[in-house]
Amino acid sequence: MRIAVAGTFGPLHDGHRTLFEHALRFGEDGVVVALTSDDLAIETRHEPRPIPSLEERTRAVTDAIRDLDEWDRDVEIRTLESEYGIATDEPSIDALVVSPETAPELEAINGLRRERGFDPLSGIVAPYVYADDGERISSTRIVAGEIDEHGRVLE
């Protein structure tokens, strides 16, 4: 299967690494990592917060993928310019790795794929990763200084 995973991925944390690990595990025909453009990253934030540049995020994702890829997958990193972009425009994608939070979006994505004559995507749901305090790890919590990228609570 050719697998896609998409997001802002900044700052990078263990929840993102879980998404990448799922994509790598199932992506025997390749993995596409779609990183939101700087403009899209700002546009799609539910809360305003600083976001590392696309260049910084690409470097961090590349390093994380290299560390996680025990299968030696063919990995392509692309820039995502629109919300569903690659998932709806790329007929060769077979599945999308999603979090429990983004899993419901798969229905809209598959609707757009059907309109274009593409096969629907399977969803691979990666579980949330929780911080030491039992709350979900998120980039927002990291930027706020609550936790580090591994979910350790900061004083």
C-alpha atoms as a PDB file:
ATOM      1  CA  MET A   1       0.000   0.000   0.000  1.00  0.00           C
ATOM      2  CA  ARG A   2       1.058   3.577  -0.647  1.00  0.00           C
ATOM      3  CA  ILE A   3       0.354   5.565   2.500  1.00  0.00           C
ATOM      4  CA  ALA A   4      -0.023   9.300   3.117  1.00  0.00           C
ATOM      5  CA  VAL A   5       0.186  11.214   6.355  1.00  0.00           C
ATOM      6  CA  ALA A   6      -0.365  14.954   6.518  1.00  0.00           C
ATOM      7  CA  GLY A   7      -0.058  17.747   9.019  1.00  0.00           C
ATOM      8  CA  THR A   8       1.760  20.803  10.228  1.00  0.00           C
ATOM      9  CA  PHE A   9       4.114  18.756  12.407  1.00  0.00           C
ATOM     10  CA  GLY A  10       5.514  21.686  14.308  1.00  0.00           C
ATOM     11  CA  PRO A  11       6.798  21.561  16.834  1.00  0.00           C
ATOM     12  CA  LEU A  12       7.319  17.847  16.316  1.00  0.00           C
ATOM     13  CA  HIS A  13       6.369  15.499  19.175  1.00  0.00           C
ATOM     14  CA  ASP A  14       5.847  11.834  20.024  1.00  0.00           C
ATOM     15  CA  GLY A  15       2.249  11.908  18.763  1.00  0.00           C
ATOM     16  CA  HIS A  16       3.562  12.857  15.321  1.00  0.00           C
ATOM     17  CA  ARG A  17       6.185  10.140  15.550  1.00  0.00           C
ATOM     18  CA  THR A  18       3.377   7.619  16.143  1.00  0.00           C
ATOM     19  CA  LEU A  19       1.661   8.804  12.950  1.00  0.00           C
ATOM     20  CA  PHE A  20       4.924   8.406  11.013  1.00  0.00           C
ATOM     21  CA  GLU A  21       5.562   4.968  12.488  1.00  0.00           C
ATOM     22  CA  HIS A  22       2.110   3.782  11.363  1.00  0.00           C
ATOM     23  CA  ALA A  23       2.675   5.157   7.862  1.00  0.00           C
ATOM     24  CA  LEU A  24       6.074   3.484   7.642  1.00  0.00           C
ATOM     25  CA  ARG A  25       4.801   0.172   8.987  1.00  0.00           C
ATOM     26  CA  PHE A  26       2.029  -0.110   6.390  1.00  0.00           C
ATOM     27  CA  GLY A  27       3.649   1.778   3.505  1.00  0.00           C
ATOM     28  CA  GLU A  28       5.338  -1.082   1.664  1.00  0.00           C
ATOM     29  CA  ASP A  29       4.706   0.735  -1.648  1.00  0.00           C
ATOM     30  CA  GLY A  30       5.904   4.069  -0.314  1.00  0.00           C
ATOM     31  CA  VAL A  31       4.993   6.861   2.056  1.00  0.00           C
ATOM     32  CA  VAL A  32       4.024  10.436   1.243  1.00  0.00           C
ATOM     33  CA  VAL A  33       4.414  12.922   4.085  1.00  0.00           C
ATOM     34  CA  ALA A  34       2.471  16.092   3.301  1.00  0.00           C
ATOM     35  CA  LEU A  35       3.646  19.091   5.305  1.00  0.00           C
ATOM     36  CA  THR A  36       1.360  22.116   5.363  1.00  0.00           C
ATOM     37  CA  SER A  37       2.814  25.189   3.687  1.00  0.00           C
ATOM     38  CA  ASP A  38       3.595  28.103   5.967  1.00  0.00           C
ATOM     39  CA  ASP A  39       0.425  29.907   4.814  1.00  0.00           C
ATOM     40  CA  LEU A  40      -1.805  26.849   5.264  1.00  0.00           C
ATOM     41  CA  ALA A  41      -0.283  26.142   8.685  1.00  0.00           C
ATOM     42  CA  ILE A  42      -1.339  29.587   9.886  1.00  0.00           C
ATOM     43  CA  GLU A  43      -4.730  29.441   8.156  1.00  0.00           C
ATOM     44  CA  THR A  44      -5.734  26.081   9.680  1.00  0.00           C
ATOM     45  CA  ARG A  45      -4.743  26.755  13.302  1.00  0.00           C
ATOM     46  CA  HIS A  46      -7.643  26.629  15.718  1.00  0.00           C
ATOM     47  CA  GLU A  47      -5.624  28.746  18.104  1.00  0.00           C
ATOM     48  CA  PRO A  48      -2.926  31.261  17.217  1.00  0.00           C
ATOM     49  CA  ARG A  49       0.570  30.079  18.113  1.00  0.00           C
ATOM     50  CA  PRO A  50       4.058  30.272  16.699  1.00  0.00           C
ATOM     51  CA  ILE A  51       4.740  27.636  14.048  1.00  0.00           C
ATOM     52  CA  PRO A  52       8.238  26.701  12.886  1.00  0.00           C
ATOM     53  CA  SER A  53       8.972  27.485   9.234  1.00  0.00           C
ATOM     54  CA  LEU A  54       8.354  24.879   6.540  1.00  0.00           C
ATOM     55  CA  GLU A  55      12.121  24.473   6.229  1.00  0.00           C
ATOM     56  CA  GLU A  56      12.509  23.760   9.966  1.00  0.00           C
ATOM     57  CA  ARG A  57       9.544  21.396   9.990  1.00  0.00           C
ATOM     58  CA  THR A  58      10.825  19.554   6.902  1.00  0.00           C
ATOM     59  CA  ARG A  59      14.199  19.057   8.557  1.00  0.00           C
ATOM     60  CA  ALA A  60      12.586  17.760  11.775  1.00  0.00           C
ATOM     61  CA  VAL A  61      10.269  15.387   9.880  1.00  0.00           C
ATOM     62  CA  THR A  62      13.141  14.102   7.729  1.00  0.00           C
ATOM     63  CA  ASP A  63      15.194  13.363  10.854  1.00  0.00           C
ATOM     64  CA  ALA A  64      12.259  11.663  12.599  1.00  0.00           C
ATOM     65  CA  ILE A  65      11.460   9.492   9.560  1.00  0.00           C
ATOM     66  CA  ARG A  66      15.114   8.464   9.260  1.00  0.00           C
ATOM     67  CA  ASP A  67      15.150   7.433  12.932  1.00  0.00           C
ATOM     68  CA  LEU A  68      11.866   5.497  12.704  1.00  0.00           C
ATOM     69  CA  ASP A  69      12.188   3.797   9.314  1.00  0.00           C
ATOM     70  CA  GLU A  70      13.262   0.256  10.115  1.00  0.00           C
ATOM     71  CA  TRP A  71      11.642  -0.950   6.853  1.00  0.00           C
ATOM     72  CA  ASP A  72      13.728   1.226   4.500  1.00  0.00           C
ATOM     73  CA  ARG A  73      10.612   2.699   2.869  1.00  0.00           C
ATOM     74  CA  ASP A  74      10.555   5.016  -0.110  1.00  0.00           C
ATOM     75  CA  VAL A  75       9.499   8.289   1.562  1.00  0.00           C
ATOM     76  CA  GLU A  76       8.545  11.461  -0.260  1.00  0.00           C
ATOM     77  CA  ILE A  77       8.001  14.733   1.589  1.00  0.00           C
ATOM     78  CA  ARG A  78       5.711  17.194  -0.181  1.00  0.00           C
ATOM     79  CA  THR A  79       4.257  20.591   0.624  1.00  0.00           C
ATOM     80  CA  LEU A  80       0.514  20.660   1.224  1.00  0.00           C
ATOM     81  CA  GLU A  81      -1.047  23.843  -0.184  1.00  0.00           C
ATOM     82  CA  SER A  82      -4.729  23.071   0.525  1.00  0.00           C
ATOM     83  CA  GLU A  83      -6.531  21.313   3.350  1.00  0.00           C
ATOM     84  CA  TYR A  84      -7.075  17.939   1.673  1.00  0.00           C
ATOM     85  CA  GLY A  85      -4.632  18.468  -1.221  1.00  0.00           C
ATOM     86  CA  ILE A  86      -2.618  15.332  -1.777  1.00  0.00           C
ATOM     87  CA  ALA A  87      -5.230  12.968  -0.309  1.00  0.00           C
ATOM     88  CA  THR A  88      -7.840  14.093  -2.835  1.00  0.00           C
ATOM     89  CA  ASP A  89      -5.545  14.771  -5.802  1.00  0.00           C
ATOM     90  CA  GLU A  90      -3.235  11.754  -5.812  1.00  0.00           C
ATOM     91  CA  PRO A  91      -4.845   8.604  -7.261  1.00  0.00           C
ATOM     92  CA  SER A  92      -1.907   6.379  -6.253  1.00  0.00           C
ATOM     93  CA  ILE A  93      -2.502   6.856  -2.504  1.00  0.00           C
ATOM     94  CA  ASP A  94      -4.217   3.816  -0.942  1.00  0.00           C
ATOM     95  CA  ALA A  95      -4.558   4.847   2.693  1.00  0.00           C
ATOM     96  CA  LEU A  96      -4.271   7.832   4.987  1.00  0.00           C
ATOM     97  CA  VAL A  97      -2.882   7.725   8.513  1.00  0.00           C
ATOM     98  CA  VAL A  98      -5.084   9.821  10.787  1.00  0.00           C
ATOM     99  CA  SER A  99      -5.474  10.548  14.471  1.00  0.00           C
ATOM    100  CA  PRO A 100      -8.757   9.888  16.286  1.00  0.00           C
ATOM    101  CA  GLU A 101      -9.372  13.650  16.004  1.00  0.00           C
ATOM    102  CA  THR A 102      -8.963  13.774  12.216  1.00  0.00           C
ATOM    103  CA  ALA A 103     -10.501  10.376  11.359  1.00  0.00           C
ATOM    104  CA  PRO A 104     -13.959  11.871  10.610  1.00  0.00           C
ATOM    105  CA  GLU A 105     -12.403  13.965   7.801  1.00  0.00           C
ATOM    106  CA  LEU A 106     -11.802  10.764   5.816  1.00  0.00           C
ATOM    107  CA  GLU A 107     -15.462  10.750   4.741  1.00  0.00           C
ATOM    108  CA  ALA A 108     -15.155  14.184   3.086  1.00  0.00           C
ATOM    109  CA  ILE A 109     -11.824  13.226   1.513  1.00  0.00           C
ATOM    110  CA  ASN A 110     -13.296  10.048   0.053  1.00  0.00           C
ATOM    111  CA  GLY A 111     -16.276  11.987  -1.287  1.00  0.00           C
ATOM    112  CA  LEU A 112     -13.911  14.269  -3.193  1.00  0.00           C
ATOM    113  CA  ARG A 113     -11.896  11.276  -4.412  1.00  0.00           C
ATOM    114  CA  ARG A 114     -15.057   9.609  -5.750  1.00  0.00           C
ATOM    115  CA  GLU A 115     -15.981  12.819  -7.606  1.00  0.00           C
ATOM    116  CA  ARG A 116     -12.579  12.635  -9.315  1.00  0.00           C
ATOM    117  CA  GLY A 117     -13.029   8.942 -10.163  1.00  0.00           C
ATOM    118  CA  PHE A 118     -10.426   7.771  -7.612  1.00  0.00           C
ATOM    119  CA  ASP A 119     -10.769   4.823  -5.275  1.00  0.00           C
ATOM    120  CA  PRO A 120     -11.564   5.764  -1.668  1.00  0.00           C
ATOM    121  CA  LEU A 121      -8.773   5.745   0.886  1.00  0.00           C
ATOM    122  CA  SER A 122      -8.560   3.334   3.767  1.00  0.00           C
ATOM    123  CA  GLY A 123      -8.012   4.970   7.111  1.00  0.00           C
ATOM    124  CA  ILE A 124      -5.268   3.881   9.474  1.00  0.00           C
ATOM    125  CA  VAL A 125      -6.014   5.382  12.872  1.00  0.00           C
ATOM    126  CA  ALA A 126      -2.962   5.936  15.044  1.00  0.00           C
ATOM    127  CA  PRO A 127      -3.783   6.286  18.734  1.00  0.00           C
ATOM    128  CA  TYR A 128      -3.208   9.440  20.716  1.00  0.00           C
ATOM    129  CA  VAL A 129      -0.009   9.648  22.716  1.00  0.00           C
ATOM    130  CA  TYR A 130      -0.458  10.938  26.241  1.00  0.00           C
ATOM    131  CA  ALA A 131       1.778  13.090  28.394  1.00  0.00           C
ATOM    132  CA  ASP A 132       2.818  12.129  31.903  1.00  0.00           C
ATOM    133  CA  ASP A 133      -0.159  14.101  33.261  1.00  0.00           C
ATOM    134  CA  GLY A 134      -2.619  11.927  31.308  1.00  0.00           C
ATOM    135  CA  GLU A 135      -3.525  14.662  28.817  1.00  0.00           C
ATOM    136  CA  ARG A 136      -2.888  14.305  25.083  1.00  0.00           C
ATOM    137  CA  ILE A 137       0.465  15.495  23.750  1.00  0.00           C
ATOM    138  CA  SER A 138       0.011  18.425  21.364  1.00  0.00           C
ATOM    139  CA  SER A 139       2.146  21.080  19.738  1.00  0.00           C
ATOM    140  CA  THR A 140      -0.039  23.705  21.411  1.00  0.00           C
ATOM    141  CA  ARG A 141       0.846  22.340  24.862  1.00  0.00           C
ATOM    142  CA  ILE A 142       4.538  22.286  23.933  1.00  0.00           C
ATOM    143  CA  VAL A 143       4.472  25.908  22.719  1.00  0.00           C
ATOM    144  CA  ALA A 144       2.614  26.898  25.912  1.00  0.00           C
ATOM    145  CA  GLY A 145       5.467  25.408  27.952  1.00  0.00           C
ATOM    146  CA  GLU A 146       3.287  22.772  29.656  1.00  0.00           C
ATOM    147  CA  ILE A 147       5.148  19.705  28.327  1.00  0.00           C
ATOM    148  CA  ASP A 148       8.151  18.761  26.218  1.00  0.00           C
ATOM    149  CA  GLU A 149       8.010  16.843  22.923  1.00  0.00           C
ATOM    150  CA  HIS A 150       7.947  13.525  24.798  1.00  0.00           C
ATOM    151  CA  GLY A 151       5.102  14.510  27.123  1.00  0.00           C
ATOM    152  CA  ARG A 152       7.153  15.222  30.211  1.00  0.00           C
ATOM    153  CA  VAL A 153       5.441  17.865  32.323  1.00  0.00           C
ATOM    154  CA  LEU A 154       7.507  21.031  32.676  1.00  0.00           C
ATOM    155  CA  GLU A 155       7.605  22.984  35.911  1.00  0.00           C
END
